[in-house]
Amino acid sequence: MTKNARYILEIINNSTEHLTAEQIYLRLREKNAKAVLATVYNNLSTLYEQGLIQKVCVEGYPDRYDKTVRHDHLVCKKCGKLSDITLEDLAEKLQKQIGVPMISYDLKINHICTECLAKEKEHGGDKS
């Protein structure tokens, strides 16, 4: 593993956020001022292919990267905010239902976050 790949993996594993490639790039530049964005994208691709990180795709937003600890995600349909949620592992139940070998699953639950709900309530109150 290259030095930059190790740094990128460390950035993702130590983050409490779901970082975009650009955010990872900015953090990597703090450790390696010579790093370029292409290096980040290439290493993210390799780390993802090796199963060392998760890629979280939400339509209309840039891909975000996350650690591989088993968890699911809540996605706000208004602002795109991505939050972790730990649910009972559904792998065994899903495996029985699909009847073919399952490698993994990626559960994203769409909702409206509390901040967006508050904004909606605020705007609704202005109309009365």
N, C-alpha and C. Protein backbone atom coordinates (compact mmCIF):
# COMPACT_ATOMS: atom_id res chain seq x y z
N MET A 1 0.84 -1.18 0.00
CA MET A 1 0.00 0.00 0.00
C MET A 1 0.89 1.24 0.00
N THR A 2 0.56 2.19 -0.86
CA THR A 2 1.36 3.41 -0.94
C THR A 2 1.13 4.30 0.28
N LYS A 3 2.02 5.25 0.45
CA LYS A 3 1.92 6.18 1.57
C LYS A 3 0.60 6.97 1.47
N ASN A 4 0.26 7.44 0.27
CA ASN A 4 -0.98 8.20 0.11
C ASN A 4 -2.21 7.34 0.38
N ALA A 5 -2.18 6.09 -0.05
CA ALA A 5 -3.31 5.18 0.21
C ALA A 5 -3.48 4.98 1.71
N ARG A 6 -2.38 4.82 2.44
CA ARG A 6 -2.44 4.68 3.90
C ARG A 6 -3.04 5.93 4.55
N TYR A 7 -2.58 7.10 4.08
CA TYR A 7 -3.12 8.35 4.60
C TYR A 7 -4.63 8.46 4.33
N ILE A 8 -5.04 8.13 3.12
CA ILE A 8 -6.46 8.22 2.75
C ILE A 8 -7.29 7.27 3.59
N LEU A 9 -6.82 6.04 3.76
CA LEU A 9 -7.52 5.07 4.59
C LEU A 9 -7.63 5.58 6.04
N GLU A 10 -6.57 6.16 6.53
CA GLU A 10 -6.55 6.73 7.88
C GLU A 10 -7.55 7.88 8.00
N ILE A 11 -7.60 8.75 7.00
CA ILE A 11 -8.53 9.88 6.99
C ILE A 11 -9.97 9.37 7.08
N ILE A 12 -10.30 8.37 6.26
CA ILE A 12 -11.66 7.82 6.23
C ILE A 12 -11.99 7.13 7.54
N ASN A 13 -11.08 6.28 8.02
CA ASN A 13 -11.34 5.51 9.24
C ASN A 13 -11.42 6.37 10.49
N ASN A 14 -10.79 7.54 10.48
CA ASN A 14 -10.80 8.42 11.64
C ASN A 14 -11.87 9.49 11.57
N SER A 15 -12.61 9.53 10.47
CA SER A 15 -13.62 10.56 10.29
C SER A 15 -14.97 10.12 10.84
N THR A 16 -15.71 11.07 11.37
CA THR A 16 -17.09 10.81 11.78
C THR A 16 -18.06 11.27 10.70
N GLU A 17 -17.52 11.78 9.60
CA GLU A 17 -18.32 12.27 8.48
C GLU A 17 -18.24 11.29 7.32
N HIS A 18 -19.07 11.53 6.32
CA HIS A 18 -19.02 10.78 5.07
C HIS A 18 -18.40 11.72 4.04
N LEU A 19 -17.11 11.58 3.84
CA LEU A 19 -16.33 12.55 3.08
C LEU A 19 -16.41 12.31 1.58
N THR A 20 -16.39 13.41 0.82
CA THR A 20 -16.28 13.33 -0.64
C THR A 20 -14.79 13.22 -0.99
N ALA A 21 -14.51 12.90 -2.23
CA ALA A 21 -13.12 12.82 -2.68
C ALA A 21 -12.42 14.17 -2.49
N GLU A 22 -13.13 15.25 -2.76
CA GLU A 22 -12.54 16.58 -2.61
C GLU A 22 -12.21 16.90 -1.15
N GLN A 23 -13.08 16.50 -0.24
CA GLN A 23 -12.80 16.71 1.18
C GLN A 23 -11.60 15.88 1.63
N ILE A 24 -11.53 14.65 1.13
CA ILE A 24 -10.38 13.79 1.45
C ILE A 24 -9.11 14.41 0.89
N TYR A 25 -9.18 14.93 -0.31
CA TYR A 25 -8.03 15.59 -0.94
C TYR A 25 -7.52 16.74 -0.08
N LEU A 26 -8.42 17.56 0.43
CA LEU A 26 -8.01 18.71 1.26
C LEU A 26 -7.31 18.24 2.54
N ARG A 27 -7.80 17.16 3.12
CA ARG A 27 -7.17 16.62 4.33
C ARG A 27 -5.83 15.95 4.02
N LEU A 28 -5.77 15.29 2.87
CA LEU A 28 -4.52 14.66 2.45
C LEU A 28 -3.43 15.71 2.22
N ARG A 29 -3.81 16.85 1.66
CA ARG A 29 -2.83 17.92 1.39
C ARG A 29 -2.17 18.43 2.67
N GLU A 30 -2.84 18.26 3.81
CA GLU A 30 -2.24 18.65 5.08
C GLU A 30 -1.06 17.76 5.43
N LYS A 31 -1.09 16.51 4.94
CA LYS A 31 -0.01 15.56 5.22
C LYS A 31 0.99 15.49 4.07
N ASN A 32 0.50 15.74 2.85
CA ASN A 32 1.34 15.64 1.67
C ASN A 32 0.96 16.77 0.71
N ALA A 33 1.67 17.88 0.80
CA ALA A 33 1.36 19.07 0.01
C ALA A 33 1.46 18.82 -1.49
N LYS A 34 2.17 17.78 -1.90
CA LYS A 34 2.35 17.49 -3.32
C LYS A 34 1.24 16.62 -3.90
N ALA A 35 0.33 16.15 -3.07
CA ALA A 35 -0.75 15.27 -3.54
C ALA A 35 -1.64 16.01 -4.53
N VAL A 36 -2.14 15.26 -5.51
CA VAL A 36 -3.06 15.82 -6.50
C VAL A 36 -4.39 15.07 -6.41
N LEU A 37 -5.44 15.68 -6.92
CA LEU A 37 -6.78 15.10 -6.83
C LEU A 37 -6.86 13.74 -7.53
N ALA A 38 -6.16 13.60 -8.64
CA ALA A 38 -6.16 12.31 -9.37
C ALA A 38 -5.63 11.19 -8.48
N THR A 39 -4.65 11.48 -7.65
CA THR A 39 -4.09 10.49 -6.71
C THR A 39 -5.18 10.03 -5.75
N VAL A 40 -5.99 10.96 -5.28
CA VAL A 40 -7.07 10.62 -4.35
C VAL A 40 -8.08 9.71 -5.04
N TYR A 41 -8.53 10.09 -6.24
CA TYR A 41 -9.51 9.27 -6.96
C TYR A 41 -8.97 7.88 -7.25
N ASN A 42 -7.73 7.78 -7.68
CA ASN A 42 -7.13 6.47 -7.98
C ASN A 42 -7.03 5.61 -6.73
N ASN A 43 -6.61 6.20 -5.62
CA ASN A 43 -6.49 5.44 -4.38
C ASN A 43 -7.86 5.06 -3.81
N LEU A 44 -8.83 5.94 -3.92
CA LEU A 44 -10.18 5.61 -3.46
C LEU A 44 -10.72 4.42 -4.23
N SER A 45 -10.50 4.42 -5.53
CA SER A 45 -10.96 3.30 -6.37
C SER A 45 -10.30 2.00 -5.93
N THR A 46 -9.01 2.03 -5.72
CA THR A 46 -8.27 0.83 -5.30
C THR A 46 -8.72 0.36 -3.91
N LEU A 47 -8.84 1.28 -2.97
CA LEU A 47 -9.25 0.92 -1.61
C LEU A 47 -10.67 0.34 -1.62
N TYR A 48 -11.54 0.89 -2.45
CA TYR A 48 -12.90 0.37 -2.57
C TYR A 48 -12.90 -1.04 -3.17
N GLU A 49 -12.13 -1.23 -4.24
CA GLU A 49 -12.05 -2.55 -4.89
C GLU A 49 -11.48 -3.59 -3.94
N GLN A 50 -10.58 -3.18 -3.05
CA GLN A 50 -9.99 -4.10 -2.09
C GLN A 50 -10.90 -4.34 -0.87
N GLY A 51 -12.03 -3.65 -0.82
CA GLY A 51 -12.97 -3.83 0.28
C GLY A 51 -12.53 -3.15 1.57
N LEU A 52 -11.62 -2.19 1.47
CA LEU A 52 -11.12 -1.52 2.68
C LEU A 52 -11.95 -0.30 3.07
N ILE A 53 -12.77 0.20 2.13
CA ILE A 53 -13.66 1.33 2.40
C ILE A 53 -14.99 1.07 1.71
N GLN A 54 -16.02 1.81 2.13
CA GLN A 54 -17.32 1.77 1.47
C GLN A 54 -17.47 3.03 0.62
N LYS A 55 -18.16 2.88 -0.50
CA LYS A 55 -18.55 4.05 -1.28
C LYS A 55 -20.06 4.19 -1.11
N VAL A 56 -20.51 5.37 -0.73
CA VAL A 56 -21.93 5.61 -0.52
C VAL A 56 -22.41 6.55 -1.63
N CYS A 57 -23.30 6.04 -2.45
CA CYS A 57 -23.82 6.80 -3.59
C CYS A 57 -25.23 7.26 -3.30
N VAL A 58 -25.45 8.55 -3.42
CA VAL A 58 -26.79 9.13 -3.26
C VAL A 58 -27.04 9.96 -4.51
N GLU A 59 -28.12 9.65 -5.20
CA GLU A 59 -28.45 10.33 -6.45
C GLU A 59 -28.47 11.84 -6.27
N GLY A 60 -27.77 12.53 -7.17
CA GLY A 60 -27.75 13.99 -7.14
C GLY A 60 -26.64 14.59 -6.29
N TYR A 61 -25.85 13.75 -5.64
CA TYR A 61 -24.77 14.22 -4.77
C TYR A 61 -23.49 13.47 -5.12
N PRO A 62 -22.33 14.06 -4.80
CA PRO A 62 -21.08 13.34 -5.07
C PRO A 62 -20.97 12.08 -4.20
N ASP A 63 -20.26 11.08 -4.72
CA ASP A 63 -20.01 9.88 -3.92
C ASP A 63 -19.29 10.28 -2.64
N ARG A 64 -19.61 9.56 -1.59
CA ARG A 64 -18.95 9.77 -0.31
C ARG A 64 -18.36 8.46 0.15
N TYR A 65 -17.37 8.55 1.02
CA TYR A 65 -16.61 7.37 1.42
C TYR A 65 -16.70 7.19 2.93
N ASP A 66 -16.70 5.91 3.32
CA ASP A 66 -16.97 5.57 4.71
C ASP A 66 -16.16 4.35 5.11
N LYS A 67 -16.01 4.18 6.41
CA LYS A 67 -15.32 2.98 6.92
C LYS A 67 -16.19 1.75 6.70
N THR A 68 -15.62 0.58 6.81
CA THR A 68 -16.32 -0.66 6.49
C THR A 68 -17.03 -1.30 7.68
N VAL A 69 -17.06 -0.64 8.81
CA VAL A 69 -17.78 -1.17 9.97
C VAL A 69 -19.24 -1.32 9.56
N ARG A 70 -19.86 -2.45 9.87
CA ARG A 70 -21.23 -2.74 9.46
C ARG A 70 -22.22 -1.73 10.03
N HIS A 71 -22.85 -0.98 9.15
CA HIS A 71 -23.90 -0.04 9.52
C HIS A 71 -24.67 0.35 8.27
N ASP A 72 -25.78 1.02 8.46
CA ASP A 72 -26.61 1.47 7.35
C ASP A 72 -26.69 2.99 7.39
N HIS A 73 -27.44 3.56 6.45
CA HIS A 73 -27.47 5.02 6.34
C HIS A 73 -28.89 5.57 6.22
N LEU A 74 -29.07 6.75 6.84
CA LEU A 74 -30.26 7.55 6.64
C LEU A 74 -29.88 8.65 5.66
N VAL A 75 -30.71 8.89 4.65
CA VAL A 75 -30.44 9.91 3.64
C VAL A 75 -31.60 10.89 3.62
N CYS A 76 -31.30 12.16 3.86
CA CYS A 76 -32.34 13.18 3.81
C CYS A 76 -32.65 13.49 2.34
N LYS A 77 -33.91 13.36 1.96
CA LYS A 77 -34.33 13.61 0.58
C LYS A 77 -34.37 15.10 0.24
N LYS A 78 -34.28 15.96 1.24
CA LYS A 78 -34.29 17.41 0.99
C LYS A 78 -32.87 17.96 0.80
N CYS A 79 -31.97 17.64 1.73
CA CYS A 79 -30.64 18.25 1.72
C CYS A 79 -29.51 17.27 1.40
N GLY A 80 -29.81 15.97 1.37
CA GLY A 80 -28.78 14.98 1.06
C GLY A 80 -27.92 14.58 2.24
N LYS A 81 -28.22 15.10 3.43
CA LYS A 81 -27.44 14.75 4.62
C LYS A 81 -27.44 13.24 4.81
N LEU A 82 -26.28 12.70 5.08
CA LEU A 82 -26.09 11.27 5.26
C LEU A 82 -25.73 11.01 6.71
N SER A 83 -26.51 10.15 7.38
CA SER A 83 -26.27 9.83 8.78
C SER A 83 -26.17 8.32 8.96
N ASP A 84 -25.33 7.91 9.88
CA ASP A 84 -25.20 6.49 10.19
C ASP A 84 -26.35 6.03 11.07
N ILE A 85 -26.77 4.80 10.86
CA ILE A 85 -27.76 4.15 11.72
C ILE A 85 -27.34 2.69 11.83
N THR A 86 -27.39 2.17 13.04
CA THR A 86 -27.03 0.77 13.25
C THR A 86 -28.31 0.00 13.50
N LEU A 87 -28.63 -0.87 12.57
CA LEU A 87 -29.81 -1.72 12.67
C LEU A 87 -29.36 -3.16 12.84
N GLU A 88 -30.27 -4.00 13.20
CA GLU A 88 -29.98 -5.42 13.27
C GLU A 88 -29.47 -5.86 11.89
N ASP A 89 -28.43 -6.66 11.87
CA ASP A 89 -27.87 -7.15 10.61
C ASP A 89 -28.93 -8.00 9.90
N LEU A 90 -29.29 -7.59 8.70
CA LEU A 90 -30.34 -8.26 7.94
C LEU A 90 -29.80 -9.33 7.00
N ALA A 91 -28.50 -9.56 7.00
CA ALA A 91 -27.87 -10.46 6.03
C ALA A 91 -28.50 -11.85 6.03
N GLU A 92 -28.68 -12.43 7.20
CA GLU A 92 -29.22 -13.79 7.28
C GLU A 92 -30.65 -13.86 6.72
N LYS A 93 -31.47 -12.89 7.09
CA LYS A 93 -32.85 -12.85 6.60
C LYS A 93 -32.90 -12.65 5.09
N LEU A 94 -32.08 -11.73 4.60
CA LEU A 94 -32.05 -11.47 3.16
C LEU A 94 -31.54 -12.70 2.40
N GLN A 95 -30.52 -13.34 2.94
CA GLN A 95 -29.95 -14.52 2.30
C GLN A 95 -31.01 -15.60 2.11
N LYS A 96 -31.82 -15.84 3.14
CA LYS A 96 -32.89 -16.84 3.04
C LYS A 96 -33.90 -16.46 1.97
N GLN A 97 -34.22 -15.17 1.87
CA GLN A 97 -35.24 -14.73 0.93
C GLN A 97 -34.77 -14.76 -0.52
N ILE A 98 -33.50 -14.39 -0.77
CA ILE A 98 -33.06 -14.32 -2.17
C ILE A 98 -32.61 -15.68 -2.70
N GLY A 99 -32.15 -16.56 -1.84
CA GLY A 99 -31.82 -17.91 -2.25
C GLY A 99 -30.57 -18.09 -3.08
N VAL A 100 -29.79 -17.03 -3.27
CA VAL A 100 -28.51 -17.13 -3.96
C VAL A 100 -27.44 -16.51 -3.07
N PRO A 101 -26.18 -16.90 -3.25
CA PRO A 101 -25.13 -16.34 -2.39
C PRO A 101 -25.10 -14.81 -2.44
N MET A 102 -25.08 -14.20 -1.28
CA MET A 102 -25.06 -12.75 -1.17
C MET A 102 -23.68 -12.31 -0.68
N ILE A 103 -23.13 -11.32 -1.34
CA ILE A 103 -21.82 -10.79 -0.95
C ILE A 103 -21.98 -9.74 0.15
N SER A 104 -22.90 -8.81 -0.06
CA SER A 104 -23.15 -7.75 0.91
C SER A 104 -24.45 -7.05 0.55
N TYR A 105 -24.87 -6.13 1.39
CA TYR A 105 -26.01 -5.29 1.06
C TYR A 105 -25.74 -3.87 1.54
N ASP A 106 -26.41 -2.91 0.91
CA ASP A 106 -26.24 -1.51 1.23
C ASP A 106 -27.62 -0.92 1.43
N LEU A 107 -27.99 -0.67 2.68
CA LEU A 107 -29.31 -0.15 2.99
C LEU A 107 -29.23 1.35 3.23
N LYS A 108 -30.00 2.09 2.45
CA LYS A 108 -30.13 3.53 2.63
C LYS A 108 -31.62 3.81 2.85
N ILE A 109 -31.93 4.40 3.97
CA ILE A 109 -33.31 4.73 4.31
C ILE A 109 -33.52 6.21 4.04
N ASN A 110 -34.46 6.52 3.14
CA ASN A 110 -34.76 7.90 2.82
C ASN A 110 -35.70 8.48 3.88
N HIS A 111 -35.42 9.70 4.28
CA HIS A 111 -36.24 10.38 5.28
C HIS A 111 -36.05 11.87 5.10
N ILE A 112 -36.66 12.67 5.94
CA ILE A 112 -36.40 14.10 5.99
C ILE A 112 -35.80 14.39 7.35
N CYS A 113 -34.60 14.96 7.36
CA CYS A 113 -33.87 15.18 8.62
C CYS A 113 -34.57 16.23 9.47
N THR A 114 -34.20 16.28 10.74
CA THR A 114 -34.84 17.20 11.69
C THR A 114 -34.64 18.66 11.28
N GLU A 115 -33.46 18.98 10.71
CA GLU A 115 -33.20 20.36 10.28
C GLU A 115 -34.15 20.76 9.15
N CYS A 116 -34.35 19.88 8.18
CA CYS A 116 -35.25 20.18 7.06
C CYS A 116 -36.71 20.22 7.52
N LEU A 117 -37.06 19.34 8.45
CA LEU A 117 -38.42 19.37 9.00
C LEU A 117 -38.68 20.69 9.72
N ALA A 118 -37.68 21.17 10.46
CA ALA A 118 -37.82 22.44 11.17
C ALA A 118 -37.98 23.59 10.17
N LYS A 119 -37.21 23.56 9.08
CA LYS A 119 -37.32 24.61 8.05
C LYS A 119 -38.71 24.59 7.41
N GLU A 120 -39.21 23.37 7.13
CA GLU A 120 -40.54 23.24 6.54
C GLU A 120 -41.59 23.82 7.49
N LYS A 121 -41.47 23.51 8.77
CA LYS A 121 -42.42 23.99 9.77
C LYS A 121 -42.36 25.51 9.86
N GLU A 122 -41.10 26.03 9.82
CA GLU A 122 -40.87 27.47 9.89
C GLU A 122 -41.53 28.18 8.69
N HIS A 123 -41.33 27.64 7.50
CA HIS A 123 -41.89 28.24 6.30
C HIS A 123 -43.40 28.09 6.26
N GLY A 124 -43.90 26.98 6.77
CA GLY A 124 -45.34 26.75 6.84
C GLY A 124 -46.00 27.73 7.78
N GLY A 125 -45.30 28.07 8.86
CA GLY A 125 -45.81 29.02 9.83
C GLY A 125 -45.87 30.44 9.29
N ASP A 126 -44.97 30.78 8.33
CA ASP A 126 -44.95 32.11 7.75
C ASP A 126 -46.15 32.37 6.85
N LYS A 127 -46.73 31.30 6.30
CA LYS A 127 -47.83 31.44 5.34
C LYS A 127 -49.16 31.70 6.03
N SER A 128 -49.27 31.46 7.32
CA SER A 128 -50.57 31.62 7.99
C SER A 128 -50.80 33.03 8.47
